[in-house]
Amino acid sequence: MTETILLILAVLVVLLAGGMAALAYMLLRRPPGEGDDPRLTELARLQAETSGRMQAMGEALAGRQAELARVLTERLDSVSTRLGASLDTNTQQTVDRLQNLHERLVVIDHAQKNLTELSSNVTSLRDVLANKQSRGAFGQASMEAIVQDRMPKGFYEFQYTLTNNTRPDCVIFLPDKRPMVIDAKFPLEAVTALRDSKSEDERKTAAQRIRQDVTKHVTDIAGKYLIPGETQDLALMFVPSESIYAELHDGFDDVVQKAYRARVVIVSPSLLMLAIQVMQQILKDARMREAADQIRTEVGRMMEDLGRLRDRVLKLQQHHTQTGDDLRQILISSEKIEKRATRIEELEFDGEDGAKGGASDAASGGTNVIAAPVQRRLEAGE
């Protein structure tokens, strides 16, 4: 709005300047000797007034321009200040966000390294399980770790040789000295083939192979490790995977039942832990039974010690009773002493002395003289 007004004023000034120039031109073109024309005089007066007004308008225009320049300068300063503050704020926020992004990138990089390590470990484990000998060593190591963690030394042995020259993976000696056999060689190839099968025919073929391999392995365990009179009547077949154990029970219950009838129990790591805890408790009970005579002897000695302790407590009680009687006698004596001291403190010796003096006077001559009271103090010890 202000700029529009200034533009209009500038146009008016230009028009007035143009009019003044035209008027001056006309005056200059007037012939000499010509008398003054009233219209020209009026025109000169109007020109003077217009010049004054133009000068006033120029001054007002200059003032308006100065005010406009000041306002524009203030607004530009305000806008510059706010823009600088906004830029500082945005810069700080950008720095903070970049720092957070850097920290997250560090975390992501660390997680990526962990994933890389995990992938390499999974690949190594897959390679181990792909090799039959490595897989057997893996199952053997898992079984040995469980047994060593929960059984006391001397009650188990790895690669123990039986009388038929067979060497089971582990035996646990029970109280009757007959070992419980644990076998850790599970046929995993058929289970892997079942998991990798894509068609129904492949699944049926892999399932049939699982039944054949597990049944054959159960038969081998029963034939080699169940020796009448030497080993226990049951043997354990260790499966080093809970998922494989669950698959056997869910889809191959007939194989599990055949193993039970052959006196071979299929166990997973958790079931092997439970079985070892049961055997450990059986061994503990057997040691308790073997040590029953010693326990009875120790209990008898403990009863004798308890009797002596009772006698000594009774003697101590008698001492305490005698001490209580002595304390009561001491209290009685102190009470008597206190009573005697009170009577001595309240005793009137003046009356007794006067009575004795009157009696002496009557015996000597019958003189009726009242003796003066004799005052004396008790001496120490009276």
Protein backbone atom coordinates (compact mmCIF):
# COMPACT_ATOMS: atom_id res chain seq x y z
CA MET A 1 0.00 0.00 0.00
CA THR A 2 2.79 2.47 0.92
CA GLU A 3 4.66 1.73 -2.29
CA THR A 4 1.49 2.43 -4.34
CA ILE A 5 1.01 5.82 -2.64
CA LEU A 6 4.63 6.74 -3.29
CA LEU A 7 4.23 5.75 -6.93
CA ILE A 8 1.12 7.96 -7.29
CA LEU A 9 2.91 10.87 -5.65
CA ALA A 10 5.84 10.45 -8.02
CA VAL A 11 3.47 10.52 -11.03
CA LEU A 12 1.81 13.70 -9.73
CA VAL A 13 5.19 15.33 -9.27
CA VAL A 14 6.14 14.43 -12.84
CA LEU A 15 2.83 15.84 -14.16
CA LEU A 16 3.24 19.04 -12.22
CA ALA A 17 6.80 19.36 -13.41
CA GLY A 18 5.56 18.89 -16.98
CA GLY A 19 2.90 21.59 -16.49
CA MET A 20 5.41 24.02 -15.06
CA ALA A 21 7.73 23.39 -17.97
CA ALA A 22 4.92 24.07 -20.46
CA LEU A 23 3.96 27.26 -18.65
CA ALA A 24 7.55 28.49 -18.63
CA TYR A 25 7.79 27.76 -22.33
CA MET A 26 4.69 29.81 -23.04
CA LEU A 27 6.02 32.73 -21.03
CA LEU A 28 9.29 32.65 -22.82
CA ARG A 29 7.52 32.64 -26.21
CA ARG A 30 5.49 35.81 -25.35
CA PRO A 31 6.44 38.80 -27.59
CA PRO A 32 8.28 41.63 -25.87
CA GLY A 33 6.49 44.92 -25.00
CA GLU A 34 3.30 43.09 -24.55
CA GLY A 35 1.39 44.10 -21.41
CA ASP A 36 0.82 41.74 -18.54
CA ASP A 37 -2.13 39.53 -19.06
CA PRO A 38 -4.26 38.87 -15.94
CA ARG A 39 -4.47 35.28 -16.89
CA LEU A 40 -0.76 35.05 -16.98
CA THR A 41 -0.56 36.69 -13.60
CA GLU A 42 -3.06 34.20 -12.24
CA LEU A 43 -1.15 31.48 -13.91
CA ALA A 44 2.08 32.67 -12.27
CA ARG A 45 0.35 32.72 -8.93
CA LEU A 46 -0.91 29.20 -9.44
CA GLN A 47 2.54 28.18 -10.50
CA ALA A 48 4.01 29.60 -7.30
CA GLU A 49 1.38 27.80 -5.23
CA THR A 50 2.01 24.62 -7.15
CA SER A 51 5.73 24.96 -6.57
CA GLY A 52 5.11 25.35 -2.83
CA ARG A 53 2.82 22.38 -2.80
CA MET A 54 5.29 20.35 -4.82
CA GLN A 55 8.05 21.28 -2.41
CA ALA A 56 5.83 20.26 0.53
CA MET A 57 4.88 17.08 -1.22
CA GLY A 58 8.56 16.40 -1.95
CA GLU A 59 9.43 16.92 1.69
CA ALA A 60 6.54 14.66 2.77
CA LEU A 61 7.62 12.13 0.17
CA ALA A 62 11.20 12.25 1.52
CA GLY A 63 9.89 11.75 5.07
CA ARG A 64 7.73 8.85 3.96
CA GLN A 65 10.69 7.32 2.16
CA ALA A 66 12.88 7.68 5.27
CA GLU A 67 10.14 6.11 7.44
CA LEU A 68 9.67 3.32 4.90
CA ALA A 69 13.44 2.72 4.84
CA ARG A 70 13.52 2.60 8.66
CA VAL A 71 10.58 0.18 8.84
CA LEU A 72 12.06 -2.00 6.13
CA THR A 73 15.42 -2.00 7.93
CA GLU A 74 13.79 -3.00 11.24
CA ARG A 75 11.78 -5.74 9.61
CA LEU A 76 14.82 -7.00 7.74
CA ASP A 77 16.79 -7.06 11.02
CA SER A 78 13.96 -8.95 12.75
CA VAL A 79 13.69 -11.42 9.89
CA SER A 80 17.48 -11.86 9.88
CA THR A 81 17.50 -12.48 13.65
CA ARG A 82 14.71 -15.04 13.48
CA LEU A 83 16.24 -16.66 10.44
CA GLY A 84 19.61 -16.92 12.24
CA ALA A 85 18.00 -18.43 15.35
CA SER A 86 16.04 -20.87 13.20
CA LEU A 87 19.19 -21.84 11.32
CA ASP A 88 21.05 -22.40 14.61
CA THR A 89 18.21 -24.55 15.93
CA ASN A 90 18.00 -26.55 12.73
CA THR A 91 21.76 -26.98 12.69
CA GLN A 92 21.79 -28.28 16.29
CA GLN A 93 18.90 -30.65 15.55
CA THR A 94 20.67 -31.87 12.44
CA VAL A 95 23.87 -32.48 14.42
CA ASP A 96 21.93 -34.38 17.11
CA ARG A 97 20.14 -36.49 14.53
CA LEU A 98 23.37 -37.26 12.73
CA GLN A 99 24.95 -38.28 16.07
CA ASN A 100 21.99 -40.57 16.87
CA LEU A 101 22.18 -41.98 13.37
CA HIS A 102 25.89 -42.65 13.86
CA GLU A 103 25.22 -44.44 17.14
CA ARG A 104 22.52 -46.56 15.54
CA LEU A 105 24.80 -47.36 12.66
CA VAL A 106 27.43 -48.53 15.18
CA VAL A 107 24.82 -50.78 16.85
CA ILE A 108 23.71 -52.11 13.47
CA ASP A 109 27.32 -52.76 12.53
CA HIS A 110 27.87 -54.67 15.78
CA ALA A 111 24.68 -56.67 15.19
CA GLN A 112 25.83 -57.39 11.65
CA LYS A 113 29.12 -58.74 13.00
CA ASN A 114 27.22 -60.94 15.46
CA LEU A 115 25.00 -62.21 12.66
CA THR A 116 28.06 -62.96 10.57
CA GLU A 117 29.61 -64.91 13.44
CA LEU A 118 26.33 -66.74 14.06
CA SER A 119 26.07 -67.61 10.38
CA SER A 120 29.59 -68.98 10.40
CA ASN A 121 28.84 -70.98 13.56
CA VAL A 122 25.63 -72.34 12.05
CA THR A 123 27.53 -73.28 8.90
CA SER A 124 30.20 -75.00 10.99
CA LEU A 125 27.52 -76.87 12.95
CA ARG A 126 25.86 -77.92 9.71
CA ASP A 127 29.18 -79.17 8.41
CA VAL A 128 29.74 -81.07 11.65
CA LEU A 129 26.32 -82.68 11.51
CA ALA A 130 26.74 -83.51 7.82
CA ASN A 131 29.73 -85.75 8.59
CA LYS A 132 28.79 -89.03 10.25
CA GLN A 133 31.92 -89.25 12.39
CA SER A 134 31.70 -85.58 13.41
CA ARG A 135 28.02 -86.02 14.23
CA GLY A 136 28.82 -89.04 16.38
CA ALA A 137 31.50 -87.04 18.21
CA PHE A 138 28.98 -84.22 18.74
CA GLY A 139 26.40 -86.59 20.27
CA GLN A 140 29.12 -88.25 22.37
CA ALA A 141 30.31 -84.86 23.68
CA SER A 142 26.74 -83.78 24.55
CA MET A 143 26.06 -87.03 26.43
CA GLU A 144 29.40 -86.87 28.28
CA ALA A 145 28.75 -83.27 29.36
CA ILE A 146 25.37 -84.24 30.83
CA VAL A 147 26.78 -87.27 32.67
CA GLN A 148 29.86 -85.48 34.02
CA ASP A 149 27.81 -82.56 35.32
CA ARG A 150 25.41 -84.69 37.35
CA MET A 151 27.08 -87.96 38.31
CA PRO A 152 29.83 -88.26 40.96
CA LYS A 153 33.16 -89.57 39.80
CA GLY A 154 33.67 -93.31 40.11
CA PHE A 155 30.07 -94.17 39.28
CA TYR A 156 30.39 -93.86 35.50
CA GLU A 157 32.92 -94.70 32.79
CA PHE A 158 33.20 -93.84 29.10
CA GLN A 159 34.18 -96.48 26.51
CA TYR A 160 33.84 -99.26 29.09
CA THR A 161 34.71 -102.75 27.79
CA LEU A 162 32.15 -105.51 28.43
CA THR A 163 32.87 -109.22 28.56
CA ASN A 164 31.81 -109.65 24.92
CA ASN A 165 34.54 -107.13 23.93
CA THR A 166 32.01 -104.43 23.03
CA ARG A 167 32.59 -100.86 24.16
CA PRO A 168 29.46 -98.77 24.76
CA ASP A 169 29.75 -94.99 24.79
CA CYS A 170 29.02 -94.77 28.52
CA VAL A 171 28.04 -96.98 31.44
CA ILE A 172 26.70 -95.96 34.86
CA PHE A 173 27.34 -98.35 37.76
CA LEU A 174 24.22 -98.88 39.88
CA PRO A 175 24.20 -100.30 43.45
CA ASP A 176 24.07 -103.93 42.26
CA LYS A 177 27.34 -103.26 40.33
CA ARG A 178 25.65 -103.96 37.01
CA PRO A 179 26.24 -101.10 34.56
CA MET A 180 23.49 -99.16 32.80
CA VAL A 181 24.53 -98.75 29.14
CA ILE A 182 24.06 -95.44 27.26
CA ASP A 183 24.56 -95.32 23.48
CA ALA A 184 25.01 -91.93 21.74
CA LYS A 185 25.22 -93.03 18.07
CA PHE A 186 21.83 -92.08 16.57
CA PRO A 187 21.22 -92.52 12.79
CA LEU A 188 20.49 -88.95 11.70
CA GLU A 189 20.78 -89.28 7.90
CA ALA A 190 17.19 -90.50 7.46
CA VAL A 191 15.80 -87.67 9.64
CA THR A 192 17.75 -85.12 7.57
CA ALA A 193 16.40 -86.68 4.37
CA LEU A 194 12.83 -86.46 5.77
CA ARG A 195 13.27 -82.76 6.57
CA ASP A 196 14.75 -82.03 3.15
CA SER A 197 12.11 -83.97 1.20
CA LYS A 198 9.87 -81.89 -1.06
CA SER A 199 7.43 -84.40 -2.54
CA GLU A 200 5.17 -86.95 -0.95
CA ASP A 201 7.15 -89.84 -2.44
CA GLU A 202 10.36 -88.50 -0.97
CA ARG A 203 8.68 -88.18 2.44
CA LYS A 204 7.46 -91.77 2.33
CA THR A 205 10.89 -93.02 1.30
CA ALA A 206 12.59 -91.04 4.08
CA ALA A 207 10.04 -92.25 6.66
CA GLN A 208 10.62 -95.85 5.66
CA ARG A 209 14.36 -95.32 5.95
CA ILE A 210 13.94 -93.86 9.46
CA ARG A 211 12.01 -96.94 10.55
CA GLN A 212 14.66 -99.26 9.13
CA ASP A 213 17.67 -97.36 10.52
CA VAL A 214 16.25 -96.82 14.02
CA THR A 215 14.99 -100.41 14.26
CA LYS A 216 18.39 -101.75 13.19
CA HIS A 217 20.18 -99.51 15.70
CA VAL A 218 17.84 -100.64 18.50
CA THR A 219 18.51 -104.27 17.57
CA ASP A 220 22.27 -103.67 17.63
CA ILE A 221 22.10 -102.05 21.09
CA ALA A 222 19.98 -104.89 22.48
CA GLY A 223 22.24 -107.54 20.99
CA LYS A 224 25.59 -106.03 21.99
CA TYR A 225 24.96 -104.22 25.27
CA LEU A 226 22.21 -106.20 27.07
CA ILE A 227 24.15 -109.09 28.62
CA PRO A 228 22.15 -111.15 31.16
CA GLY A 229 23.72 -111.07 34.62
CA GLU A 230 26.31 -108.46 33.62
CA THR A 231 24.42 -105.35 32.53
CA GLN A 232 21.10 -103.89 33.49
CA ASP A 233 17.95 -105.10 31.76
CA LEU A 234 17.49 -101.72 30.06
CA ALA A 235 19.73 -99.63 27.82
CA LEU A 236 19.43 -95.96 26.87
CA MET A 237 19.67 -94.68 23.29
CA PHE A 238 20.60 -90.99 23.42
CA VAL A 239 19.14 -88.62 20.80
CA PRO A 240 21.08 -85.31 20.93
CA SER A 241 18.11 -83.18 19.83
CA GLU A 242 14.75 -82.46 21.43
CA SER A 243 13.14 -81.79 18.05
CA ILE A 244 14.23 -85.16 16.61
CA TYR A 245 12.96 -86.90 19.75
CA ALA A 246 9.61 -85.10 19.35
CA GLU A 247 9.43 -86.12 15.67
CA LEU A 248 10.06 -89.76 16.57
CA HIS A 249 7.26 -89.78 19.14
CA ASP A 250 4.84 -87.85 16.92
CA GLY A 251 5.33 -89.67 13.61
CA PHE A 252 7.03 -92.98 14.48
CA ASP A 253 5.30 -94.28 17.57
CA ASP A 254 5.56 -97.85 16.24
CA VAL A 255 9.39 -97.57 16.24
CA VAL A 256 9.36 -96.25 19.81
CA GLN A 257 7.17 -99.15 20.93
CA LYS A 258 9.48 -101.66 19.25
CA ALA A 259 12.39 -100.10 21.13
CA TYR A 260 10.51 -100.45 24.43
CA ARG A 261 9.79 -104.10 23.71
CA ALA A 262 13.49 -104.59 22.94
CA ARG A 263 14.27 -102.98 26.37
CA VAL A 264 15.92 -99.95 24.76
CA VAL A 265 14.63 -96.56 25.94
CA ILE A 266 15.05 -93.58 23.59
CA VAL A 267 15.94 -90.46 25.58
CA SER A 268 16.46 -86.80 24.68
CA PRO A 269 18.90 -84.52 26.57
CA SER A 270 16.23 -83.46 29.09
CA LEU A 271 15.11 -87.07 29.68
CA LEU A 272 18.72 -88.18 30.08
CA MET A 273 19.16 -85.49 32.76
CA LEU A 274 16.05 -86.78 34.54
CA ALA A 275 17.21 -90.41 34.30
CA ILE A 276 20.64 -89.51 35.71
CA GLN A 277 19.02 -87.65 38.61
CA VAL A 278 16.93 -90.74 39.39
CA MET A 279 20.01 -92.97 39.25
CA GLN A 280 21.91 -90.52 41.43
CA GLN A 281 19.13 -90.72 44.04
CA ILE A 282 19.19 -94.52 43.84
CA LEU A 283 22.95 -94.50 44.47
CA LYS A 284 22.48 -92.14 47.39
CA ASP A 285 19.83 -94.41 48.94
CA ALA A 286 22.11 -97.40 48.46
CA ARG A 287 24.96 -95.61 50.23
CA MET A 288 22.56 -94.74 53.04
CA ARG A 289 21.57 -98.40 53.40
CA GLU A 290 25.19 -99.52 53.36
CA ALA A 291 26.01 -97.01 56.05
CA ALA A 292 22.96 -97.89 58.20
CA ASP A 293 25.09 -99.62 60.92
CA GLN A 294 27.44 -96.68 61.09
CA ILE A 295 24.48 -94.35 61.26
CA ARG A 296 22.98 -96.32 64.16
CA THR A 297 26.34 -96.26 65.95
CA GLU A 298 26.65 -92.53 65.47
CA VAL A 299 23.07 -92.02 66.63
CA GLY A 300 23.82 -94.09 69.81
CA ARG A 301 26.87 -91.94 70.51
CA MET A 302 24.79 -88.87 69.90
CA MET A 303 22.24 -90.11 72.46
CA GLU A 304 25.02 -90.68 75.02
CA ASP A 305 26.29 -87.17 74.42
CA LEU A 306 22.74 -85.91 74.81
CA GLY A 307 22.41 -87.74 78.18
CA ARG A 308 25.64 -86.19 79.45
CA LEU A 309 24.43 -82.83 78.30
CA ARG A 310 21.20 -83.34 80.25
CA ASP A 311 23.09 -84.24 83.45
CA ARG A 312 25.27 -81.17 83.10
CA VAL A 313 22.24 -78.99 82.56
CA LEU A 314 20.64 -80.41 85.72
CA LYS A 315 23.83 -79.68 87.70
CA LEU A 316 23.86 -76.18 86.34
CA GLN A 317 20.21 -75.81 87.33
CA GLN A 318 21.06 -76.92 90.91
CA HIS A 319 23.80 -74.33 91.06
CA HIS A 320 21.38 -71.72 89.90
CA THR A 321 18.82 -72.87 92.53
CA GLN A 322 21.43 -72.69 95.33
CA THR A 323 22.50 -69.29 94.09
CA GLY A 324 18.87 -68.13 94.21
CA ASP A 325 18.49 -69.35 97.82
CA ASP A 326 21.68 -67.55 98.84
CA LEU A 327 20.42 -64.38 97.20
CA ARG A 328 17.11 -64.65 99.09
CA GLN A 329 18.97 -65.09 102.41
CA ILE A 330 21.12 -62.05 101.61
CA LEU A 331 17.99 -60.03 100.92
CA ILE A 332 16.42 -61.15 104.23
CA SER A 333 19.56 -60.12 106.16
CA SER A 334 19.62 -56.74 104.40
CA GLU A 335 15.96 -56.18 105.28
CA LYS A 336 16.66 -57.01 108.99
CA ILE A 337 19.63 -54.63 109.04
CA GLU A 338 17.47 -51.93 107.50
CA LYS A 339 14.74 -52.44 110.12
CA ARG A 340 17.29 -52.32 113.00
CA ALA A 341 18.79 -49.13 111.60
CA THR A 342 15.31 -47.57 111.46
CA ARG A 343 14.61 -48.52 115.10
CA ILE A 344 17.98 -47.14 116.22
CA GLU A 345 17.29 -43.91 114.38
CA GLU A 346 13.86 -43.52 116.09
CA LEU A 347 14.95 -44.64 119.66
CA GLU A 348 14.35 -42.10 122.59
CA PHE A 349 17.22 -42.53 125.09
CA ASP A 350 16.06 -39.49 127.23
CA GLY A 351 13.05 -41.27 128.71
CA GLU A 352 14.99 -44.35 129.64
CA ASP A 353 17.72 -42.37 131.51
CA GLY A 354 15.14 -40.43 133.63
CA ALA A 355 13.41 -43.59 134.67
CA LYS A 356 16.68 -45.14 135.82
CA GLY A 357 17.60 -42.00 137.88
CA GLY A 358 14.25 -41.98 139.79
CA ALA A 359 14.64 -45.58 140.82
CA SER A 360 18.13 -44.94 142.22
CA ASP A 361 16.93 -42.01 144.28
CA ALA A 362 14.11 -44.00 145.85
CA ALA A 363 16.49 -46.73 146.88
CA SER A 364 18.99 -44.33 148.51
CA GLY A 365 16.71 -42.36 150.87
CA GLY A 366 13.36 -41.71 149.43
CA THR A 367 14.16 -38.14 148.54
CA ASN A 368 11.55 -36.88 146.13
CA VAL A 369 13.94 -35.08 143.80
CA ILE A 370 13.49 -35.20 140.12
CA ALA A 371 16.83 -35.59 138.48
CA ALA A 372 17.64 -33.40 135.58
CA PRO A 373 17.60 -35.23 132.32
CA VAL A 374 21.02 -36.31 131.23
CA GLN A 375 21.57 -36.05 127.55
CA ARG A 376 24.19 -38.17 125.86
CA ARG A 377 24.89 -39.35 122.35
CA LEU A 378 25.18 -42.86 121.18
CA GLU A 379 28.72 -43.91 120.75
CA ALA A 380 29.86 -45.88 117.82
CA GLY A 381 29.07 -49.57 118.27
CA GLU A 382 26.15 -49.12 120.74
